[in-house]
């Protein structure tokens, strides 16, 4: 199997998710990067299109919303969980944990995250 596209980043990629929603974002891959950023990559053009900045430590996880094709959620080692509107490259919602690491739930429907308890961030 050959790679279709290769993207280079400064830092390690801890997680990457292809947008599952059809339409205008179905060709985007979100990458959680150790350099405190989330990168959006366009597999149609072969370029990284957006850099989402808002974390102050490595980003561990990303997950696309299943309700809104333009909503992306990231979780970082800084304890932040951020919901992004990728049309504006802007954080819509951000929350800070105090003392325990949060991890996005890969088995969830894209609108919730799993911690020691459920934290709902539905829109």
PDB file of N, CA and C in Angstrom:
ATOM      1  N   UNK A   1       0.837  -1.161   0.000  1.00  0.00           N
ATOM      2  CA  UNK A   1       0.000   0.000   0.000  1.00  0.00           C
ATOM      3  C   UNK A   1       0.894   1.241   0.000  1.00  0.00           C
ATOM      4  N   UNK A   2       0.655   2.162  -0.896  1.00  0.00           N
ATOM      5  CA  UNK A   2       1.448   3.385  -1.006  1.00  0.00           C
ATOM      6  C   UNK A   2       0.722   4.562  -0.363  1.00  0.00           C
ATOM      7  N   UNK A   3       1.502   5.474   0.174  1.00  0.00           N
ATOM      8  CA  UNK A   3       0.932   6.683   0.778  1.00  0.00           C
ATOM      9  C   UNK A   3       0.387   7.588  -0.314  1.00  0.00           C
ATOM     10  N   UNK A   4      -0.779   8.153  -0.082  1.00  0.00           N
ATOM     11  CA  UNK A   4      -1.390   9.078  -1.028  1.00  0.00           C
ATOM     12  C   UNK A   4      -0.749  10.454  -0.885  1.00  0.00           C
ATOM     13  N   UNK A   5      -0.621  10.904   0.338  1.00  0.00           N
ATOM     14  CA  UNK A   5       0.007  12.189   0.640  1.00  0.00           C
ATOM     15  C   UNK A   5       0.899  12.037   1.864  1.00  0.00           C
ATOM     16  N   UNK A   6       1.930  12.838   1.944  1.00  0.00           N
ATOM     17  CA  UNK A   6       2.786  12.893   3.124  1.00  0.00           C
ATOM     18  C   UNK A   6       2.855  14.339   3.569  1.00  0.00           C
ATOM     19  N   UNK A   7       2.687  14.541   4.871  1.00  0.00           N
ATOM     20  CA  UNK A   7       2.757  15.877   5.450  1.00  0.00           C
ATOM     21  C   UNK A   7       3.877  15.894   6.470  1.00  0.00           C
ATOM     22  N   UNK A   8       4.657  16.963   6.485  1.00  0.00           N
ATOM     23  CA  UNK A   8       5.752  17.098   7.439  1.00  0.00           C
ATOM     24  C   UNK A   8       5.406  18.183   8.443  1.00  0.00           C
ATOM     25  N   UNK A   9       5.690  17.887   9.717  1.00  0.00           N
ATOM     26  CA  UNK A   9       5.434  18.832  10.792  1.00  0.00           C
ATOM     27  C   UNK A   9       6.681  18.970  11.647  1.00  0.00           C
ATOM     28  N   UNK A  10       6.812  20.121  12.298  1.00  0.00           N
ATOM     29  CA  UNK A  10       7.850  20.237  13.320  1.00  0.00           C
ATOM     30  C   UNK A  10       7.224  19.699  14.598  1.00  0.00           C
ATOM     31  N   UNK A  11       7.762  18.641  15.120  1.00  0.00           N
ATOM     32  CA  UNK A  11       7.195  17.976  16.288  1.00  0.00           C
ATOM     33  C   UNK A  11       6.603  16.633  15.920  1.00  0.00           C
ATOM     34  N   UNK A  12       6.181  15.902  16.944  1.00  0.00           N
ATOM     35  CA  UNK A  12       5.581  14.583  16.767  1.00  0.00           C
ATOM     36  C   UNK A  12       4.072  14.703  16.625  1.00  0.00           C
ATOM     37  N   UNK A  13       3.495  13.831  15.818  1.00  0.00           N
ATOM     38  CA  UNK A  13       2.041  13.765  15.686  1.00  0.00           C
ATOM     39  C   UNK A  13       1.549  12.680  16.637  1.00  0.00           C
ATOM     40  N   UNK A  14       0.706  13.076  17.613  1.00  0.00           N
ATOM     41  CA  UNK A  14       0.185  12.136  18.598  1.00  0.00           C
ATOM     42  C   UNK A  14      -1.141  11.520  18.180  1.00  0.00           C
ATOM     43  N   UNK A  15      -1.885  12.210  17.334  1.00  0.00           N
ATOM     44  CA  UNK A  15      -3.187  11.712  16.899  1.00  0.00           C
ATOM     45  C   UNK A  15      -3.525  12.380  15.576  1.00  0.00           C
ATOM     46  N   UNK A  16      -4.281  11.692  14.739  1.00  0.00           N
ATOM     47  CA  UNK A  16      -4.762  12.262  13.477  1.00  0.00           C
ATOM     48  C   UNK A  16      -6.120  11.659  13.166  1.00  0.00           C
ATOM     49  N   UNK A  17      -7.045  12.496  12.728  1.00  0.00           N
ATOM     50  CA  UNK A  17      -8.398  12.044  12.430  1.00  0.00           C
ATOM     51  C   UNK A  17      -8.877  12.656  11.122  1.00  0.00           C
ATOM     52  N   UNK A  18      -9.421  11.827  10.257  1.00  0.00           N
ATOM     53  CA  UNK A  18     -10.043  12.275   9.012  1.00  0.00           C
ATOM     54  C   UNK A  18     -11.462  12.707   9.320  1.00  0.00           C
ATOM     55  N   UNK A  19     -11.867  13.839   8.778  1.00  0.00           N
ATOM     56  CA  UNK A  19     -13.233  14.304   8.987  1.00  0.00           C
ATOM     57  C   UNK A  19     -14.199  13.290   8.388  1.00  0.00           C
ATOM     58  N   UNK A  20     -15.124  12.819   9.198  1.00  0.00           N
ATOM     59  CA  UNK A  20     -16.075  11.801   8.755  1.00  0.00           C
ATOM     60  C   UNK A  20     -17.321  12.412   8.149  1.00  0.00           C
ATOM     61  N   UNK A  21     -17.511  13.690   8.371  1.00  0.00           N
ATOM     62  CA  UNK A  21     -18.698  14.370   7.866  1.00  0.00           C
ATOM     63  C   UNK A  21     -18.518  14.619   6.375  1.00  0.00           C
ATOM     64  N   UNK A  22     -19.535  14.370   5.597  1.00  0.00           N
ATOM     65  CA  UNK A  22     -19.460  14.618   4.166  1.00  0.00           C
ATOM     66  C   UNK A  22     -19.445  16.097   3.856  1.00  0.00           C
ATOM     67  N   UNK A  23     -19.281  16.426   2.596  1.00  0.00           N
ATOM     68  CA  UNK A  23     -19.334  17.826   2.200  1.00  0.00           C
ATOM     69  C   UNK A  23     -17.979  18.482   2.153  1.00  0.00           C
ATOM     70  N   UNK A  24     -17.953  19.758   2.531  1.00  0.00           N
ATOM     71  CA  UNK A  24     -16.772  20.590   2.346  1.00  0.00           C
ATOM     72  C   UNK A  24     -15.576  20.214   3.211  1.00  0.00           C
ATOM     73  N   UNK A  25     -15.766  19.473   4.292  1.00  0.00           N
ATOM     74  CA  UNK A  25     -14.637  19.126   5.160  1.00  0.00           C
ATOM     75  C   UNK A  25     -14.214  17.668   5.054  1.00  0.00           C
ATOM     76  N   UNK A  26     -14.818  16.894   4.193  1.00  0.00           N
ATOM     77  CA  UNK A  26     -14.526  15.452   4.141  1.00  0.00           C
ATOM     78  C   UNK A  26     -13.118  15.142   3.649  1.00  0.00           C
ATOM     79  N   UNK A  27     -12.400  16.111   3.159  1.00  0.00           N
ATOM     80  CA  UNK A  27     -11.033  15.920   2.672  1.00  0.00           C
ATOM     81  C   UNK A  27      -9.986  16.431   3.660  1.00  0.00           C
ATOM     82  N   UNK A  28     -10.413  16.769   4.883  1.00  0.00           N
ATOM     83  CA  UNK A  28      -9.490  17.326   5.868  1.00  0.00           C
ATOM     84  C   UNK A  28      -9.066  16.294   6.910  1.00  0.00           C
ATOM     85  N   UNK A  29      -7.794  16.342   7.255  1.00  0.00           N
ATOM     86  CA  UNK A  29      -7.251  15.547   8.349  1.00  0.00           C
ATOM     87  C   UNK A  29      -6.792  16.523   9.427  1.00  0.00           C
ATOM     88  N   UNK A  30      -7.203  16.275  10.656  1.00  0.00           N
ATOM     89  CA  UNK A  30      -6.737  17.062  11.794  1.00  0.00           C
ATOM     90  C   UNK A  30      -5.630  16.277  12.480  1.00  0.00           C
ATOM     91  N   UNK A  31      -4.526  16.948  12.782  1.00  0.00           N
ATOM     92  CA  UNK A  31      -3.391  16.298  13.434  1.00  0.00           C
ATOM     93  C   UNK A  31      -3.077  16.999  14.749  1.00  0.00           C
ATOM     94  N   UNK A  32      -2.951  16.222  15.829  1.00  0.00           N
ATOM     95  CA  UNK A  32      -2.549  16.723  17.143  1.00  0.00           C
ATOM     96  C   UNK A  32      -1.029  16.641  17.206  1.00  0.00           C
ATOM     97  N   UNK A  33      -0.379  17.795  17.391  1.00  0.00           N
ATOM     98  CA  UNK A  33       1.071  17.870  17.270  1.00  0.00           C
ATOM     99  C   UNK A  33       1.711  18.278  18.598  1.00  0.00           C
ATOM    100  N   UNK A  34       2.925  17.776  18.829  1.00  0.00           N
ATOM    101  CA  UNK A  34       3.626  18.040  20.082  1.00  0.00           C
ATOM    102  C   UNK A  34       4.062  19.499  20.229  1.00  0.00           C
ATOM    103  N   UNK A  35       4.044  20.293  19.162  1.00  0.00           N
ATOM    104  CA  UNK A  35       4.479  21.694  19.237  1.00  0.00           C
ATOM    105  C   UNK A  35       3.335  22.642  19.625  1.00  0.00           C
ATOM    106  N   UNK A  36       2.341  22.114  20.354  1.00  0.00           N
ATOM    107  CA  UNK A  36       1.240  22.893  20.925  1.00  0.00           C
ATOM    108  C   UNK A  36       0.185  23.281  19.894  1.00  0.00           C
ATOM    109  N   UNK A  37       0.197  22.678  18.722  1.00  0.00           N
ATOM    110  CA  UNK A  37      -0.708  23.074  17.650  1.00  0.00           C
ATOM    111  C   UNK A  37      -1.562  21.921  17.155  1.00  0.00           C
ATOM    112  N   UNK A  38      -2.663  22.297  16.529  1.00  0.00           N
ATOM    113  CA  UNK A  38      -3.469  21.371  15.745  1.00  0.00           C
ATOM    114  C   UNK A  38      -3.303  21.816  14.296  1.00  0.00           C
ATOM    115  N   UNK A  39      -2.943  20.883  13.436  1.00  0.00           N
ATOM    116  CA  UNK A  39      -2.766  21.201  12.026  1.00  0.00           C
ATOM    117  C   UNK A  39      -3.895  20.557  11.233  1.00  0.00           C
ATOM    118  N   UNK A  40      -4.441  21.301  10.287  1.00  0.00           N
ATOM    119  CA  UNK A  40      -5.437  20.766   9.367  1.00  0.00           C
ATOM    120  C   UNK A  40      -4.761  20.566   8.016  1.00  0.00           C
ATOM    121  N   UNK A  41      -4.886  19.363   7.474  1.00  0.00           N
ATOM    122  CA  UNK A  41      -4.254  19.006   6.212  1.00  0.00           C
ATOM    123  C   UNK A  41      -5.324  18.666   5.190  1.00  0.00           C
ATOM    124  N   UNK A  42      -5.145  19.160   3.990  1.00  0.00           N
ATOM    125  CA  UNK A  42      -6.091  18.949   2.897  1.00  0.00           C
ATOM    126  C   UNK A  42      -5.543  17.853   1.995  1.00  0.00           C
ATOM    127  N   UNK A  43      -6.205  16.706   1.954  1.00  0.00           N
ATOM    128  CA  UNK A  43      -5.690  15.602   1.136  1.00  0.00           C
ATOM    129  C   UNK A  43      -5.960  15.828  -0.352  1.00  0.00           C
ATOM    130  N   UNK A  44      -6.838  16.768  -0.693  1.00  0.00           N
ATOM    131  CA  UNK A  44      -7.054  17.115  -2.100  1.00  0.00           C
ATOM    132  C   UNK A  44      -5.860  17.887  -2.656  1.00  0.00           C
ATOM    133  N   UNK A  45      -5.418  18.890  -1.908  1.00  0.00           N
ATOM    134  CA  UNK A  45      -4.339  19.759  -2.393  1.00  0.00           C
ATOM    135  C   UNK A  45      -2.959  19.280  -1.951  1.00  0.00           C
ATOM    136  N   UNK A  46      -2.901  18.452  -0.907  1.00  0.00           N
ATOM    137  CA  UNK A  46      -1.620  17.970  -0.400  1.00  0.00           C
ATOM    138  C   UNK A  46      -0.895  18.970   0.479  1.00  0.00           C
ATOM    139  N   UNK A  47      -1.616  19.968   0.988  1.00  0.00           N
ATOM    140  CA  UNK A  47      -0.966  20.976   1.831  1.00  0.00           C
ATOM    141  C   UNK A  47      -1.660  21.076   3.182  1.00  0.00           C
ATOM    142  N   UNK A  48      -0.895  21.605   4.175  1.00  0.00           N
ATOM    143  CA  UNK A  48      -1.557  21.880   5.437  1.00  0.00           C
ATOM    144  C   UNK A  48      -2.196  23.263   5.302  1.00  0.00           C
ATOM    145  N   UNK A  49      -3.476  23.361   5.637  1.00  0.00           N
ATOM    146  CA  UNK A  49      -4.262  24.554   5.332  1.00  0.00           C
ATOM    147  C   UNK A  49      -4.429  25.499   6.507  1.00  0.00           C
ATOM    148  N   UNK A  50      -4.503  24.966   7.723  1.00  0.00           N
ATOM    149  CA  UNK A  50      -4.733  25.787   8.902  1.00  0.00           C
ATOM    150  C   UNK A  50      -3.838  25.318  10.044  1.00  0.00           C
ATOM    151  N   UNK A  51      -3.465  26.252  10.880  1.00  0.00           N
ATOM    152  CA  UNK A  51      -2.794  25.945  12.133  1.00  0.00           C
ATOM    153  C   UNK A  51      -3.645  26.526  13.240  1.00  0.00           C
ATOM    154  N   UNK A  52      -4.110  25.671  14.151  1.00  0.00           N
ATOM    155  CA  UNK A  52      -4.950  26.107  15.259  1.00  0.00           C
ATOM    156  C   UNK A  52      -4.067  26.234  16.493  1.00  0.00           C
ATOM    157  N   UNK A  53      -3.982  27.456  17.009  1.00  0.00           N
ATOM    158  CA  UNK A  53      -3.132  27.745  18.168  1.00  0.00           C
ATOM    159  C   UNK A  53      -4.008  28.114  19.348  1.00  0.00           C
ATOM    160  N   UNK A  54      -3.726  27.536  20.495  1.00  0.00           N
ATOM    161  CA  UNK A  54      -4.490  27.821  21.697  1.00  0.00           C
ATOM    162  C   UNK A  54      -4.037  26.969  22.869  1.00  0.00           C
ATOM    163  N   UNK A  55      -3.276  25.928  22.573  1.00  0.00           N
ATOM    164  CA  UNK A  55      -2.715  25.081  23.623  1.00  0.00           C
ATOM    165  C   UNK A  55      -1.338  25.611  24.009  1.00  0.00           C
ATOM    166  N   UNK A  56      -0.938  25.361  25.251  1.00  0.00           N
ATOM    167  CA  UNK A  56       0.381  25.789  25.721  1.00  0.00           C
ATOM    168  C   UNK A  56       1.307  24.605  25.982  1.00  0.00           C
ATOM    169  N   UNK A  57       0.865  23.424  25.615  1.00  0.00           N
ATOM    170  CA  UNK A  57       1.663  22.199  25.705  1.00  0.00           C
ATOM    171  C   UNK A  57       1.234  21.293  24.546  1.00  0.00           C
ATOM    172  N   UNK A  58       1.870  20.148  24.441  1.00  0.00           N
ATOM    173  CA  UNK A  58       1.571  19.217  23.352  1.00  0.00           C
ATOM    174  C   UNK A  58       0.079  18.900  23.295  1.00  0.00           C
ATOM    175  N   UNK A  59      -0.426  18.745  22.072  1.00  0.00           N
ATOM    176  CA  UNK A  59      -1.816  18.351  21.859  1.00  0.00           C
ATOM    177  C   UNK A  59      -1.834  16.835  21.709  1.00  0.00           C
ATOM    178  N   UNK A  60      -2.627  16.168  22.541  1.00  0.00           N
ATOM    179  CA  UNK A  60      -2.662  14.702  22.549  1.00  0.00           C
ATOM    180  C   UNK A  60      -3.687  14.108  21.594  1.00  0.00           C
ATOM    181  N   UNK A  61      -4.858  14.718  21.537  1.00  0.00           N
ATOM    182  CA  UNK A  61      -5.966  14.116  20.799  1.00  0.00           C
ATOM    183  C   UNK A  61      -6.775  15.154  20.036  1.00  0.00           C
ATOM    184  N   UNK A  62      -7.368  14.700  18.936  1.00  0.00           N
ATOM    185  CA  UNK A  62      -8.331  15.493  18.176  1.00  0.00           C
ATOM    186  C   UNK A  62      -9.496  14.588  17.797  1.00  0.00           C
ATOM    187  N   UNK A  63     -10.663  15.178  17.692  1.00  0.00           N
ATOM    188  CA  UNK A  63     -11.834  14.438  17.230  1.00  0.00           C
ATOM    189  C   UNK A  63     -12.806  15.411  16.573  1.00  0.00           C
ATOM    190  N   UNK A  64     -13.386  14.993  15.468  1.00  0.00           N
ATOM    191  CA  UNK A  64     -14.354  15.814  14.742  1.00  0.00           C
ATOM    192  C   UNK A  64     -15.740  15.628  15.338  1.00  0.00           C
ATOM    193  N   UNK A  65     -16.516  16.682  15.355  1.00  0.00           N
ATOM    194  CA  UNK A  65     -17.910  16.589  15.781  1.00  0.00           C
ATOM    195  C   UNK A  65     -18.702  15.841  14.718  1.00  0.00           C
ATOM    196  N   UNK A  66     -19.647  15.037  15.162  1.00  0.00           N
ATOM    197  CA  UNK A  66     -20.515  14.376  14.189  1.00  0.00           C
ATOM    198  C   UNK A  66     -21.768  15.212  13.911  1.00  0.00           C
ATOM    199  N   UNK A  67     -21.902  16.334  14.597  1.00  0.00           N
ATOM    200  CA  UNK A  67     -23.068  17.210  14.412  1.00  0.00           C
ATOM    201  C   UNK A  67     -22.774  18.429  13.559  1.00  0.00           C
ATOM    202  N   UNK A  68     -21.516  18.854  13.538  1.00  0.00           N
ATOM    203  CA  UNK A  68     -21.146  20.070  12.837  1.00  0.00           C
ATOM    204  C   UNK A  68     -19.849  19.798  12.094  1.00  0.00           C
ATOM    205  N   UNK A  69     -19.885  19.859  10.774  1.00  0.00           N
ATOM    206  CA  UNK A  69     -18.715  19.543   9.951  1.00  0.00           C
ATOM    207  C   UNK A  69     -17.547  20.495  10.187  1.00  0.00           C
ATOM    208  N   UNK A  70     -17.812  21.664  10.763  1.00  0.00           N
ATOM    209  CA  UNK A  70     -16.771  22.663  10.978  1.00  0.00           C
ATOM    210  C   UNK A  70     -16.266  22.690  12.421  1.00  0.00           C
ATOM    211  N   UNK A  71     -16.747  21.782  13.264  1.00  0.00           N
ATOM    212  CA  UNK A  71     -16.341  21.748  14.671  1.00  0.00           C
ATOM    213  C   UNK A  71     -15.338  20.624  14.908  1.00  0.00           C
ATOM    214  N   UNK A  72     -14.250  20.981  15.570  1.00  0.00           N
ATOM    215  CA  UNK A  72     -13.181  20.054  15.904  1.00  0.00           C
ATOM    216  C   UNK A  72     -12.846  20.258  17.375  1.00  0.00           C
ATOM    217  N   UNK A  73     -12.562  19.173  18.088  1.00  0.00           N
ATOM    218  CA  UNK A  73     -12.238  19.249  19.510  1.00  0.00           C
ATOM    219  C   UNK A  73     -10.822  18.708  19.707  1.00  0.00           C
ATOM    220  N   UNK A  74     -10.046  19.430  20.517  1.00  0.00           N
ATOM    221  CA  UNK A  74      -8.684  18.977  20.813  1.00  0.00           C
ATOM    222  C   UNK A  74      -8.475  18.942  22.323  1.00  0.00           C
ATOM    223  N   UNK A  75      -7.576  18.046  22.762  1.00  0.00           N
ATOM    224  CA  UNK A  75      -7.197  17.944  24.178  1.00  0.00           C
ATOM    225  C   UNK A  75      -5.684  17.926  24.255  1.00  0.00           C
ATOM    226  N   UNK A  76      -5.137  18.695  25.202  1.00  0.00           N
ATOM    227  CA  UNK A  76      -3.691  18.804  25.297  1.00  0.00           C
ATOM    228  C   UNK A  76      -3.152  18.502  26.678  1.00  0.00           C
ATOM    229  N   UNK A  77      -1.840  18.382  26.753  1.00  0.00           N
ATOM    230  CA  UNK A  77      -1.165  18.130  28.027  1.00  0.00           C
ATOM    231  C   UNK A  77      -1.214  19.330  28.960  1.00  0.00           C
ATOM    232  N   UNK A  78      -1.659  20.460  28.439  1.00  0.00           N
ATOM    233  CA  UNK A  78      -1.849  21.642  29.272  1.00  0.00           C
ATOM    234  C   UNK A  78      -3.148  21.575  30.061  1.00  0.00           C
ATOM    235  N   UNK A  79      -3.915  20.482  29.869  1.00  0.00           N
ATOM    236  CA  UNK A  79      -5.180  20.306  30.569  1.00  0.00           C
ATOM    237  C   UNK A  79      -6.355  20.956  29.863  1.00  0.00           C
ATOM    238  N   UNK A  80      -6.114  21.593  28.731  1.00  0.00           N
ATOM    239  CA  UNK A  80      -7.186  22.271  28.004  1.00  0.00           C
ATOM    240  C   UNK A  80      -7.899  21.321  27.048  1.00  0.00           C
ATOM    241  N   UNK A  81      -9.200  21.513  26.972  1.00  0.00           N
ATOM    242  CA  UNK A  81     -10.016  20.918  25.920  1.00  0.00           C
ATOM    243  C   UNK A  81     -10.600  22.091  25.157  1.00  0.00           C
ATOM    244  N   UNK A  82     -10.379  22.102  23.847  1.00  0.00           N
ATOM    245  CA  UNK A  82     -10.788  23.244  23.035  1.00  0.00           C
ATOM    246  C   UNK A  82     -11.699  22.762  21.912  1.00  0.00           C
ATOM    247  N   UNK A  83     -12.820  23.467  21.716  1.00  0.00           N
ATOM    248  CA  UNK A  83     -13.675  23.233  20.555  1.00  0.00           C
ATOM    249  C   UNK A  83     -13.385  24.361  19.567  1.00  0.00           C
ATOM    250  N   UNK A  84     -13.036  23.996  18.343  1.00  0.00           N
ATOM    251  CA  UNK A  84     -12.636  24.932  17.300  1.00  0.00           C
ATOM    252  C   UNK A  84     -13.718  25.068  16.241  1.00  0.00           C
ATOM    253  N   UNK A  85     -13.852  26.265  15.693  1.00  0.00           N
ATOM    254  CA  UNK A  85     -14.609  26.488  14.467  1.00  0.00           C
ATOM    255  C   UNK A  85     -13.550  26.645  13.385  1.00  0.00           C
ATOM    256  N   UNK A  86     -13.383  25.631  12.554  1.00  0.00           N
ATOM    257  CA  UNK A  86     -12.276  25.643  11.601  1.00  0.00           C
ATOM    258  C   UNK A  86     -12.478  26.666  10.482  1.00  0.00           C
ATOM    259  N   UNK A  87     -13.697  27.154  10.302  1.00  0.00           N
ATOM    260  CA  UNK A  87     -13.916  28.191   9.288  1.00  0.00           C
ATOM    261  C   UNK A  87     -13.198  29.473   9.666  1.00  0.00           C
ATOM    262  N   UNK A  88     -13.056  29.715  10.968  1.00  0.00           N
ATOM    263  CA  UNK A  88     -12.431  30.943  11.455  1.00  0.00           C
ATOM    264  C   UNK A  88     -11.091  30.676  12.132  1.00  0.00           C
ATOM    265  N   UNK A  89     -10.675  29.410  12.196  1.00  0.00           N
ATOM    266  CA  UNK A  89      -9.453  29.022  12.922  1.00  0.00           C
ATOM    267  C   UNK A  89      -9.459  29.592  14.330  1.00  0.00           C
ATOM    268  N   UNK A  90     -10.616  29.517  14.965  1.00  0.00           N
ATOM    269  CA  UNK A  90     -10.801  30.159  16.265  1.00  0.00           C
ATOM    270  C   UNK A  90     -11.419  29.187  17.262  1.00  0.00           C
ATOM    271  N   UNK A  91     -10.979  29.311  18.519  1.00  0.00           N
ATOM    272  CA  UNK A  91     -11.572  28.517  19.601  1.00  0.00           C
ATOM    273  C   UNK A  91     -12.960  29.060  19.913  1.00  0.00           C
ATOM    274  N   UNK A  92     -13.937  28.169  19.993  1.00  0.00           N
ATOM    275  CA  UNK A  92     -15.303  28.548  20.323  1.00  0.00           C
ATOM    276  C   UNK A  92     -15.547  28.326  21.810  1.00  0.00           C
ATOM    277  N   UNK A  93     -15.026  27.208  22.339  1.00  0.00           N
ATOM    278  CA  UNK A  93     -15.171  26.856  23.746  1.00  0.00           C
ATOM    279  C   UNK A  93     -13.831  26.304  24.208  1.00  0.00           C
ATOM    280  N   UNK A  94     -13.416  26.677  25.405  1.00  0.00           N
ATOM    281  CA  UNK A  94     -12.193  26.139  25.983  1.00  0.00           C
ATOM    282  C   UNK A  94     -12.425  25.905  27.465  1.00  0.00           C
ATOM    283  N   UNK A  95     -11.935  24.785  27.968  1.00  0.00           N
ATOM    284  CA  UNK A  95     -12.062  24.480  29.387  1.00  0.00           C
ATOM    285  C   UNK A  95     -10.716  24.006  29.905  1.00  0.00           C
ATOM    286  N   UNK A  96     -10.465  24.230  31.152  1.00  0.00           N
ATOM    287  CA  UNK A  96      -9.185  23.873  31.776  1.00  0.00           C
ATOM    288  C   UNK A  96      -9.434  22.856  32.878  1.00  0.00           C
ATOM    289  N   UNK A  97      -8.698  21.752  32.863  1.00  0.00           N
ATOM    290  CA  UNK A  97      -8.802  20.788  33.954  1.00  0.00           C
ATOM    291  C   UNK A  97      -7.868  21.207  35.078  1.00  0.00           C
ATOM    292  N   UNK A  98      -8.058  20.614  36.236  1.00  0.00           N
ATOM    293  CA  UNK A  98      -7.174  20.933  37.365  1.00  0.00           C
ATOM    294  C   UNK A  98      -6.615  19.649  37.943  1.00  0.00           C
ATOM    295  N   UNK A  99      -5.539  19.175  37.360  1.00  0.00           N
ATOM    296  CA  UNK A  99      -4.810  18.101  37.984  1.00  0.00           C
ATOM    297  C   UNK A  99      -4.972  16.712  37.409  1.00  0.00           C
ATOM    298  N   UNK A 100      -5.880  16.476  36.489  1.00  0.00           N
ATOM    299  CA  UNK A 100      -5.912  15.156  35.876  1.00  0.00           C
ATOM    300  C   UNK A 100      -6.023  15.301  34.368  1.00  0.00           C
ATOM    301  N   UNK A 101      -5.370  14.382  33.677  1.00  0.00           N
ATOM    302  CA  UNK A 101      -5.314  14.438  32.224  1.00  0.00           C
ATOM    303  C   UNK A 101      -6.643  14.012  31.635  1.00  0.00           C
ATOM    304  N   UNK A 102      -7.073  14.741  30.646  1.00  0.00           N
ATOM    305  CA  UNK A 102      -8.305  14.396  29.930  1.00  0.00           C
ATOM    306  C   UNK A 102      -7.930  13.753  28.606  1.00  0.00           C
ATOM    307  N   UNK A 103      -8.718  12.801  28.197  1.00  0.00           N
ATOM    308  CA  UNK A 103      -8.472  12.102  26.944  1.00  0.00           C
ATOM    309  C   UNK A 103      -9.772  12.057  26.159  1.00  0.00           C
ATOM    310  N   UNK A 104      -9.699  12.416  24.891  1.00  0.00           N
ATOM    311  CA  UNK A 104     -10.887  12.352  24.060  1.00  0.00           C
ATOM    312  C   UNK A 104     -11.305  10.903  23.890  1.00  0.00           C
ATOM    313  N   UNK A 105     -12.572  10.689  23.850  1.00  0.00           N
ATOM    314  CA  UNK A 105     -13.124   9.336  23.733  1.00  0.00           C
ATOM    315  C   UNK A 105     -13.274   8.970  22.269  1.00  0.00           C
ATOM    316  N   UNK A 106     -12.470   8.017  21.796  1.00  0.00           N
ATOM    317  CA  UNK A 106     -12.540   7.626  20.393  1.00  0.00           C
ATOM    318  C   UNK A 106     -13.807   6.839  20.082  1.00  0.00           C
ATOM    319  N   UNK A 107     -14.417   6.256  21.081  1.00  0.00           N
ATOM    320  CA  UNK A 107     -15.645   5.505  20.871  1.00  0.00           C
ATOM    321  C   UNK A 107     -16.901   6.338  21.021  1.00  0.00           C
ATOM    322  N   UNK A 108     -16.725   7.628  21.357  1.00  0.00           N
ATOM    323  CA  UNK A 108     -17.896   8.497  21.521  1.00  0.00           C
ATOM    324  C   UNK A 108     -18.398   8.966  20.172  1.00  0.00           C
ATOM    325  N   UNK A 109     -19.498   9.667  20.182  1.00  0.00           N
ATOM    326  CA  UNK A 109     -20.108  10.114  18.939  1.00  0.00           C
ATOM    327  C   UNK A 109     -19.563  11.448  18.449  1.00  0.00           C
ATOM    328  N   UNK A 110     -18.476  11.931  19.027  1.00  0.00           N
ATOM    329  CA  UNK A 110     -17.873  13.168  18.561  1.00  0.00           C
ATOM    330  C   UNK A 110     -18.386  14.391  19.279  1.00  0.00           C
ATOM    331  N   UNK A 111     -19.354  14.229  20.162  1.00  0.00           N
ATOM    332  CA  UNK A 111     -19.874  15.394  20.860  1.00  0.00           C
ATOM    333  C   UNK A 111     -19.592  15.323  22.354  1.00  0.00           C
ATOM    334  N   UNK A 112     -18.890  14.291  22.797  1.00  0.00           N
ATOM    335  CA  UNK A 112     -18.568  14.205  24.226  1.00  0.00           C
ATOM    336  C   UNK A 112     -17.151  13.700  24.411  1.00  0.00           C
ATOM    337  N   UNK A 113     -16.602  13.935  25.574  1.00  0.00           N
ATOM    338  CA  UNK A 113     -15.266  13.487  25.916  1.00  0.00           C
ATOM    339  C   UNK A 113     -15.332  12.662  27.179  1.00  0.00           C
ATOM    340  N   UNK A 114     -14.397  11.738  27.314  1.00  0.00           N
ATOM    341  CA  UNK A 114     -14.371  10.880  28.485  1.00  0.00           C
ATOM    342  C   UNK A 114     -13.234  11.312  29.400  1.00  0.00           C
ATOM    343  N   UNK A 115     -13.524  11.543  30.632  1.00  0.00           N
ATOM    344  CA  UNK A 115     -12.504  11.796  31.641  1.00  0.00           C
ATOM    345  C   UNK A 115     -12.789  10.801  32.745  1.00  0.00           C
ATOM    346  N   UNK A 116     -12.531  11.164  33.979  1.00  0.00           N
ATOM    347  CA  UNK A 116     -12.972  10.310  35.079  1.00  0.00           C
ATOM    348  C   UNK A 116     -14.480  10.345  35.169  1.00  0.00           C
ATOM    349  N   UNK A 117     -15.070  11.339  34.575  1.00  0.00           N
ATOM    350  CA  UNK A 117     -16.519  11.433  34.412  1.00  0.00           C
ATOM    351  C   UNK A 117     -16.779  12.050  33.057  1.00  0.00           C
ATOM    352  N   UNK A 118     -17.982  12.039  32.554  1.00  0.00           N
ATOM    353  CA  UNK A 118     -18.314  12.593  31.248  1.00  0.00           C
ATOM    354  C   UNK A 118     -18.443  14.110  31.345  1.00  0.00           C
ATOM    355  N   UNK A 119     -17.855  14.794  30.370  1.00  0.00           N
ATOM    356  CA  UNK A 119     -17.996  16.238  30.257  1.00  0.00           C
ATOM    357  C   UNK A 119     -18.648  16.505  28.908  1.00  0.00           C
ATOM    358  N   UNK A 120     -19.830  17.042  28.934  1.00  0.00           N
ATOM    359  CA  UNK A 120     -20.565  17.250  27.702  1.00  0.00           C
ATOM    360  C   UNK A 120     -20.258  18.630  27.127  1.00  0.00           C
ATOM    361  N   UNK A 121     -19.963  18.666  25.844  1.00  0.00           N
ATOM    362  CA  UNK A 121     -19.754  19.927  25.147  1.00  0.00           C
ATOM    363  C   UNK A 121     -20.535  19.915  23.837  1.00  0.00           C
ATOM    364  N   UNK A 122     -21.784  19.538  23.924  1.00  0.00           N
ATOM    365  CA  UNK A 122     -22.650  19.531  22.744  1.00  0.00           C
ATOM    366  C   UNK A 122     -22.982  20.952  22.331  1.00  0.00           C
ATOM    367  N   UNK A 123     -23.132  21.139  21.040  1.00  0.00           N
ATOM    368  CA  UNK A 123     -23.556  22.434  20.531  1.00  0.00           C
ATOM    369  C   UNK A 123     -24.902  22.327  19.904  1.00  0.00           C
TER     370      UNK A 123
END
